[in-house]
Amino acid sequence: LSATHIDGAIIVTTPQEVSLQDVRKE
C-alpha cells in the first residue's frame, strides 16, 4: 500500500495488561 496512500491504523485492545503488552509492540 506504500505505492498508494494509507490514512492510518486503528489499534484495538482490551483493558487488561496481557493485551496492552502486545498492543505496545503493535
PDB file of all heavy atoms in Angstrom:
ATOM      1  N   LEU A   1       0.817  -1.225   0.000  1.00  0.00           N
ATOM      2  CA  LEU A   1       0.000   0.000   0.000  1.00  0.00           C
ATOM      3  C   LEU A   1       0.848   1.272   0.000  1.00  0.00           C
ATOM      4  O   LEU A   1       0.341   2.348  -0.262  1.00  0.00           O
ATOM      5  CB  LEU A   1      -0.940   0.014   1.207  1.00  0.00           C
ATOM      6  CG  LEU A   1      -2.137  -0.942   1.117  1.00  0.00           C
ATOM      7  CD1 LEU A   1      -2.897  -0.976   2.433  1.00  0.00           C
ATOM      8  CD2 LEU A   1      -3.094  -0.560  -0.017  1.00  0.00           C
ATOM      9  N   SER A   2       2.149   1.128   0.291  1.00  0.00           N
ATOM     10  CA  SER A   2       3.005   2.326   0.278  1.00  0.00           C
ATOM     11  C   SER A   2       3.101   2.897  -1.140  1.00  0.00           C
ATOM     12  O   SER A   2       3.449   4.047  -1.344  1.00  0.00           O
ATOM     13  CB  SER A   2       4.398   2.002   0.813  1.00  0.00           C
ATOM     14  OG  SER A   2       5.035   1.083  -0.065  1.00  0.00           O
ATOM     15  N   ALA A   3       2.755   2.058  -2.148  1.00  0.00           N
ATOM     16  CA  ALA A   3       2.713   2.553  -3.533  1.00  0.00           C
ATOM     17  C   ALA A   3       1.568   3.546  -3.703  1.00  0.00           C
ATOM     18  O   ALA A   3       1.550   4.334  -4.644  1.00  0.00           O
ATOM     19  CB  ALA A   3       2.523   1.386  -4.494  1.00  0.00           C
ATOM     20  N   THR A   4       0.590   3.497  -2.794  1.00  0.00           N
ATOM     21  CA  THR A   4      -0.548   4.423  -2.890  1.00  0.00           C
ATOM     22  C   THR A   4      -0.558   5.320  -1.650  1.00  0.00           C
ATOM     23  O   THR A   4       0.320   6.127  -1.464  1.00  0.00           O
ATOM     24  CB  THR A   4      -1.870   3.638  -3.029  1.00  0.00           C
ATOM     25  OG1 THR A   4      -2.003   2.769  -1.894  1.00  0.00           O
ATOM     26  CG2 THR A   4      -1.900   2.819  -4.293  1.00  0.00           C
ATOM     27  N   HIS A   5      -1.542   5.151  -0.786  1.00  0.00           N
ATOM     28  CA  HIS A   5      -1.634   6.022   0.385  1.00  0.00           C
ATOM     29  C   HIS A   5      -2.449   5.324   1.468  1.00  0.00           C
ATOM     30  O   HIS A   5      -3.501   4.772   1.195  1.00  0.00           O
ATOM     31  CB  HIS A   5      -2.329   7.332  -0.022  1.00  0.00           C
ATOM     32  CG  HIS A   5      -2.868   8.098   1.133  1.00  0.00           C
ATOM     33  ND1 HIS A   5      -2.058   8.822   1.971  1.00  0.00           N
ATOM     34  CD2 HIS A   5      -4.118   8.234   1.629  1.00  0.00           C
ATOM     35  CE1 HIS A   5      -2.808   9.371   2.922  1.00  0.00           C
ATOM     36  NE2 HIS A   5      -4.061   9.024   2.730  1.00  0.00           N
ATOM     37  N   ILE A   6      -1.930   5.328   2.698  1.00  0.00           N
ATOM     38  CA  ILE A   6      -2.686   4.785   3.833  1.00  0.00           C
ATOM     39  C   ILE A   6      -2.985   5.952   4.765  1.00  0.00           C
ATOM     40  O   ILE A   6      -2.073   6.674   5.170  1.00  0.00           O
ATOM     41  CB  ILE A   6      -1.885   3.714   4.609  1.00  0.00           C
ATOM     42  CG1 ILE A   6      -1.343   2.628   3.675  1.00  0.00           C
ATOM     43  CG2 ILE A   6      -2.746   3.089   5.694  1.00  0.00           C
ATOM     44  CD1 ILE A   6      -0.456   1.597   4.360  1.00  0.00           C
ATOM     45  N   ASP A   7      -4.270   6.145   5.084  1.00  0.00           N
ATOM     46  CA  ASP A   7      -4.613   7.214   6.044  1.00  0.00           C
ATOM     47  C   ASP A   7      -4.030   6.901   7.408  1.00  0.00           C
ATOM     48  O   ASP A   7      -3.546   7.793   8.107  1.00  0.00           O
ATOM     49  CB  ASP A   7      -6.133   7.353   6.160  1.00  0.00           C
ATOM     50  CG  ASP A   7      -6.708   8.042   4.944  1.00  0.00           C
ATOM     51  OD1 ASP A   7      -6.749   7.422   3.867  1.00  0.00           O
ATOM     52  OD2 ASP A   7      -7.084   9.206   5.056  1.00  0.00           O
ATOM     53  N   GLY A   8      -4.107   5.619   7.807  1.00  0.00           N
ATOM     54  CA  GLY A   8      -3.542   5.254   9.101  1.00  0.00           C
ATOM     55  C   GLY A   8      -4.112   3.961   9.627  1.00  0.00           C
ATOM     56  O   GLY A   8      -4.881   3.271   8.951  1.00  0.00           O
ATOM     57  N   ALA A   9      -3.706   3.637  10.864  1.00  0.00           N
ATOM     58  CA  ALA A   9      -4.113   2.378  11.501  1.00  0.00           C
ATOM     59  C   ALA A   9      -4.936   2.659  12.743  1.00  0.00           C
ATOM     60  O   ALA A   9      -4.682   3.627  13.470  1.00  0.00           O
ATOM     61  CB  ALA A   9      -2.877   1.576  11.882  1.00  0.00           C
ATOM     62  N   ILE A  10      -5.919   1.778  12.969  1.00  0.00           N
ATOM     63  CA  ILE A  10      -6.686   1.795  14.223  1.00  0.00           C
ATOM     64  C   ILE A  10      -6.234   0.556  14.977  1.00  0.00           C
ATOM     65  O   ILE A  10      -6.206  -0.543  14.409  1.00  0.00           O
ATOM     66  CB  ILE A  10      -8.196   1.732  13.945  1.00  0.00           C
ATOM     67  CG1 ILE A  10      -8.637   2.980  13.199  1.00  0.00           C
ATOM     68  CG2 ILE A  10      -8.981   1.594  15.249  1.00  0.00           C
ATOM     69  CD1 ILE A  10      -9.901   2.816  12.440  1.00  0.00           C
ATOM     70  N   ILE A  11      -5.869   0.726  16.234  1.00  0.00           N
ATOM     71  CA  ILE A  11      -5.369  -0.400  17.026  1.00  0.00           C
ATOM     72  C   ILE A  11      -6.404  -0.756  18.085  1.00  0.00           C
ATOM     73  O   ILE A  11      -6.858   0.114  18.833  1.00  0.00           O
ATOM     74  CB  ILE A  11      -4.003  -0.060  17.648  1.00  0.00           C
ATOM     75  CG1 ILE A  11      -3.010   0.258  16.522  1.00  0.00           C
ATOM     76  CG2 ILE A  11      -3.495  -1.215  18.501  1.00  0.00           C
ATOM     77  CD1 ILE A  11      -1.673   0.760  16.970  1.00  0.00           C
ATOM     78  N   VAL A  12      -6.806  -2.032  18.096  1.00  0.00           N
ATOM     79  CA  VAL A  12      -7.862  -2.493  19.013  1.00  0.00           C
ATOM     80  C   VAL A  12      -7.212  -3.262  20.163  1.00  0.00           C
ATOM     81  O   VAL A  12      -6.332  -4.103  19.955  1.00  0.00           O
ATOM     82  CB  VAL A  12      -8.871  -3.405  18.265  1.00  0.00           C
ATOM     83  CG1 VAL A  12     -10.001  -3.841  19.199  1.00  0.00           C
ATOM     84  CG2 VAL A  12      -9.458  -2.675  17.054  1.00  0.00           C
ATOM     85  N   THR A  13      -7.666  -2.961  21.387  1.00  0.00           N
ATOM     86  CA  THR A  13      -7.161  -3.665  22.567  1.00  0.00           C
ATOM     87  C   THR A  13      -8.307  -3.939  23.532  1.00  0.00           C
ATOM     88  O   THR A  13      -9.414  -3.448  23.344  1.00  0.00           O
ATOM     89  CB  THR A  13      -6.067  -2.828  23.266  1.00  0.00           C
ATOM     90  OG1 THR A  13      -5.505  -3.592  24.342  1.00  0.00           O
ATOM     91  CG2 THR A  13      -6.619  -1.527  23.841  1.00  0.00           C
ATOM     92  N   THR A  14      -8.031  -4.745  24.550  1.00  0.00           N
ATOM     93  CA  THR A  14      -8.948  -4.876  25.691  1.00  0.00           C
ATOM     94  C   THR A  14      -8.212  -4.278  26.889  1.00  0.00           C
ATOM     95  O   THR A  14      -7.011  -4.002  26.805  1.00  0.00           O
ATOM     96  CB  THR A  14      -9.343  -6.356  25.917  1.00  0.00           C
ATOM     97  OG1 THR A  14      -8.155  -7.165  25.882  1.00  0.00           O
ATOM     98  CG2 THR A  14     -10.312  -6.848  24.864  1.00  0.00           C
ATOM     99  N   PRO A  15      -8.884  -4.043  28.036  1.00  0.00           N
ATOM    100  CA  PRO A  15      -8.263  -3.233  29.088  1.00  0.00           C
ATOM    101  C   PRO A  15      -7.112  -3.886  29.860  1.00  0.00           C
ATOM    102  O   PRO A  15      -6.324  -3.182  30.481  1.00  0.00           O
ATOM    103  CB  PRO A  15      -9.432  -2.949  30.053  1.00  0.00           C
ATOM    104  CG  PRO A  15     -10.679  -3.306  29.310  1.00  0.00           C
ATOM    105  CD  PRO A  15     -10.298  -4.348  28.333  1.00  0.00           C
ATOM    106  N   GLN A  16      -7.014  -5.232  29.843  1.00  0.00           N
ATOM    107  CA  GLN A  16      -6.041  -5.859  30.751  1.00  0.00           C
ATOM    108  C   GLN A  16      -4.616  -5.807  30.201  1.00  0.00           C
ATOM    109  O   GLN A  16      -4.398  -5.732  29.003  1.00  0.00           O
ATOM    110  CB  GLN A  16      -6.469  -7.299  31.085  1.00  0.00           C
ATOM    111  CG  GLN A  16      -6.228  -8.343  30.020  1.00  0.00           C
ATOM    112  CD  GLN A  16      -7.323  -8.414  28.997  1.00  0.00           C
ATOM    113  OE1 GLN A  16      -7.885  -7.401  28.601  1.00  0.00           O
ATOM    114  NE2 GLN A  16      -7.612  -9.613  28.522  1.00  0.00           N
ATOM    115  N   GLU A  17      -3.655  -5.872  31.106  1.00  0.00           N
ATOM    116  CA  GLU A  17      -2.234  -5.709  30.766  1.00  0.00           C
ATOM    117  C   GLU A  17      -1.744  -6.749  29.760  1.00  0.00           C
ATOM    118  O   GLU A  17      -0.915  -6.450  28.902  1.00  0.00           O
ATOM    119  CB  GLU A  17      -1.397  -5.755  32.053  1.00  0.00           C
ATOM    120  CG  GLU A  17       0.102  -5.609  31.853  1.00  0.00           C
ATOM    121  CD  GLU A  17       0.524  -4.334  31.128  1.00  0.00           C
ATOM    122  OE1 GLU A  17      -0.187  -3.303  31.244  1.00  0.00           O
ATOM    123  OE2 GLU A  17       1.544  -4.361  30.419  1.00  0.00           O
ATOM    124  N   VAL A  18      -2.266  -7.984  29.825  1.00  0.00           N
ATOM    125  CA  VAL A  18      -1.847  -9.038  28.879  1.00  0.00           C
ATOM    126  C   VAL A  18      -2.076  -8.581  27.438  1.00  0.00           C
ATOM    127  O   VAL A  18      -1.283  -8.866  26.544  1.00  0.00           O
ATOM    128  CB  VAL A  18      -2.628 -10.353  29.164  1.00  0.00           C
ATOM    129  CG1 VAL A  18      -2.443 -11.365  28.055  1.00  0.00           C
ATOM    130  CG2 VAL A  18      -2.174 -10.952  30.483  1.00  0.00           C
ATOM    131  N   SER A  19      -3.172  -7.867  27.209  1.00  0.00           N
ATOM    132  CA  SER A  19      -3.478  -7.359  25.872  1.00  0.00           C
ATOM    133  C   SER A  19      -2.642  -6.115  25.555  1.00  0.00           C
ATOM    134  O   SER A  19      -2.070  -5.985  24.474  1.00  0.00           O
ATOM    135  CB  SER A  19      -4.973  -7.032  25.776  1.00  0.00           C
ATOM    136  OG  SER A  19      -5.270  -6.476  24.531  1.00  0.00           O
ATOM    137  N   LEU A  20      -2.564  -5.200  26.520  1.00  0.00           N
ATOM    138  CA  LEU A  20      -1.846  -3.937  26.293  1.00  0.00           C
ATOM    139  C   LEU A  20      -0.372  -4.178  25.962  1.00  0.00           C
ATOM    140  O   LEU A  20       0.223  -3.447  25.174  1.00  0.00           O
ATOM    141  CB  LEU A  20      -1.957  -3.039  27.530  1.00  0.00           C
ATOM    142  CG  LEU A  20      -3.375  -2.556  27.867  1.00  0.00           C
ATOM    143  CD1 LEU A  20      -3.399  -1.900  29.241  1.00  0.00           C
ATOM    144  CD2 LEU A  20      -3.898  -1.583  26.820  1.00  0.00           C
ATOM    145  N   GLN A  21       0.196  -5.213  26.560  1.00  0.00           N
ATOM    146  CA  GLN A  21       1.603  -5.540  26.329  1.00  0.00           C
ATOM    147  C   GLN A  21       1.862  -5.781  24.837  1.00  0.00           C
ATOM    148  O   GLN A  21       2.832  -5.292  24.275  1.00  0.00           O
ATOM    149  CB  GLN A  21       1.924  -6.815  27.122  1.00  0.00           C
ATOM    150  CG  GLN A  21       3.390  -7.002  27.410  1.00  0.00           C
ATOM    151  CD  GLN A  21       3.596  -8.160  28.380  1.00  0.00           C
ATOM    152  OE1 GLN A  21       2.826  -9.123  28.395  1.00  0.00           O
ATOM    153  NE2 GLN A  21       4.617  -8.085  29.192  1.00  0.00           N
ATOM    154  N   ASP A  22       0.958  -6.530  24.202  1.00  0.00           N
ATOM    155  CA  ASP A  22       1.107  -6.809  22.770  1.00  0.00           C
ATOM    156  C   ASP A  22       0.764  -5.588  21.924  1.00  0.00           C
ATOM    157  O   ASP A  22       1.318  -5.398  20.840  1.00  0.00           O
ATOM    158  CB  ASP A  22       0.205  -7.987  22.369  1.00  0.00           C
ATOM    159  CG  ASP A  22       0.734  -9.314  22.907  1.00  0.00           C
ATOM    160  OD1 ASP A  22       1.894  -9.341  23.334  1.00  0.00           O
ATOM    161  OD2 ASP A  22      -0.010 -10.305  22.902  1.00  0.00           O
ATOM    162  N   VAL A  23      -0.156  -4.776  22.417  1.00  0.00           N
ATOM    163  CA  VAL A  23      -0.561  -3.583  21.661  1.00  0.00           C
ATOM    164  C   VAL A  23       0.578  -2.557  21.625  1.00  0.00           C
ATOM    165  O   VAL A  23       0.773  -1.867  20.624  1.00  0.00           O
ATOM    166  CB  VAL A  23      -1.864  -2.996  22.252  1.00  0.00           C
ATOM    167  CG1 VAL A  23      -2.146  -1.619  21.698  1.00  0.00           C
ATOM    168  CG2 VAL A  23      -3.024  -3.938  21.925  1.00  0.00           C
ATOM    169  N   ARG A  24       1.350  -2.486  22.695  1.00  0.00           N
ATOM    170  CA  ARG A  24       2.523  -1.577  22.690  1.00  0.00           C
ATOM    171  C   ARG A  24       3.488  -1.975  21.577  1.00  0.00           C
ATOM    172  O   ARG A  24       4.068  -1.126  20.900  1.00  0.00           O
ATOM    173  CB  ARG A  24       3.241  -1.607  24.047  1.00  0.00           C
ATOM    174  CG  ARG A  24       2.456  -0.926  25.145  1.00  0.00           C
ATOM    175  CD  ARG A  24       3.272  -0.812  26.432  1.00  0.00           C
ATOM    176  NE  ARG A  24       2.374  -0.494  27.529  1.00  0.00           N
ATOM    177  CZ  ARG A  24       1.885  -1.377  28.389  1.00  0.00           C
ATOM    178  NH1 ARG A  24       2.208  -2.653  28.280  1.00  0.00           N
ATOM    179  NH2 ARG A  24       1.073  -1.001  29.355  1.00  0.00           N
ATOM    180  N   LYS A  25       3.645  -3.294  21.382  1.00  0.00           N
ATOM    181  CA  LYS A  25       4.521  -3.775  20.293  1.00  0.00           C
ATOM    182  C   LYS A  25       3.959  -3.325  18.938  1.00  0.00           C
ATOM    183  O   LYS A  25       4.693  -2.961  18.030  1.00  0.00           O
ATOM    184  CB  LYS A  25       4.610  -5.312  20.324  1.00  0.00           C
ATOM    185  CG  LYS A  25       5.304  -5.881  21.553  1.00  0.00           C
ATOM    186  CD  LYS A  25       5.376  -7.407  21.454  1.00  0.00           C
ATOM    187  CE  LYS A  25       6.044  -8.039  22.664  1.00  0.00           C
ATOM    188  NZ  LYS A  25       5.187  -8.089  23.839  1.00  0.00           N
ATOM    189  N   GLU A  26       2.620  -3.397  18.809  1.00  0.00           N
ATOM    190  CA  GLU A  26       1.963  -3.004  17.550  1.00  0.00           C
ATOM    191  C   GLU A  26       2.190  -1.514  17.279  1.00  0.00           C
ATOM    192  O   GLU A  26       2.429  -1.101  16.136  1.00  0.00           O
ATOM    193  CB  GLU A  26       0.468  -3.305  17.654  1.00  0.00           C
ATOM    194  CG  GLU A  26      -0.256  -3.333  16.327  1.00  0.00           C
ATOM    195  CD  GLU A  26       0.012  -4.603  15.531  1.00  0.00           C
ATOM    196  OE1 GLU A  26      -0.102  -5.713  16.055  1.00  0.00           O
ATOM    197  OE2 GLU A  26       0.334  -4.439  14.346  1.00  0.00           O
TER     198      GLU A  26
END
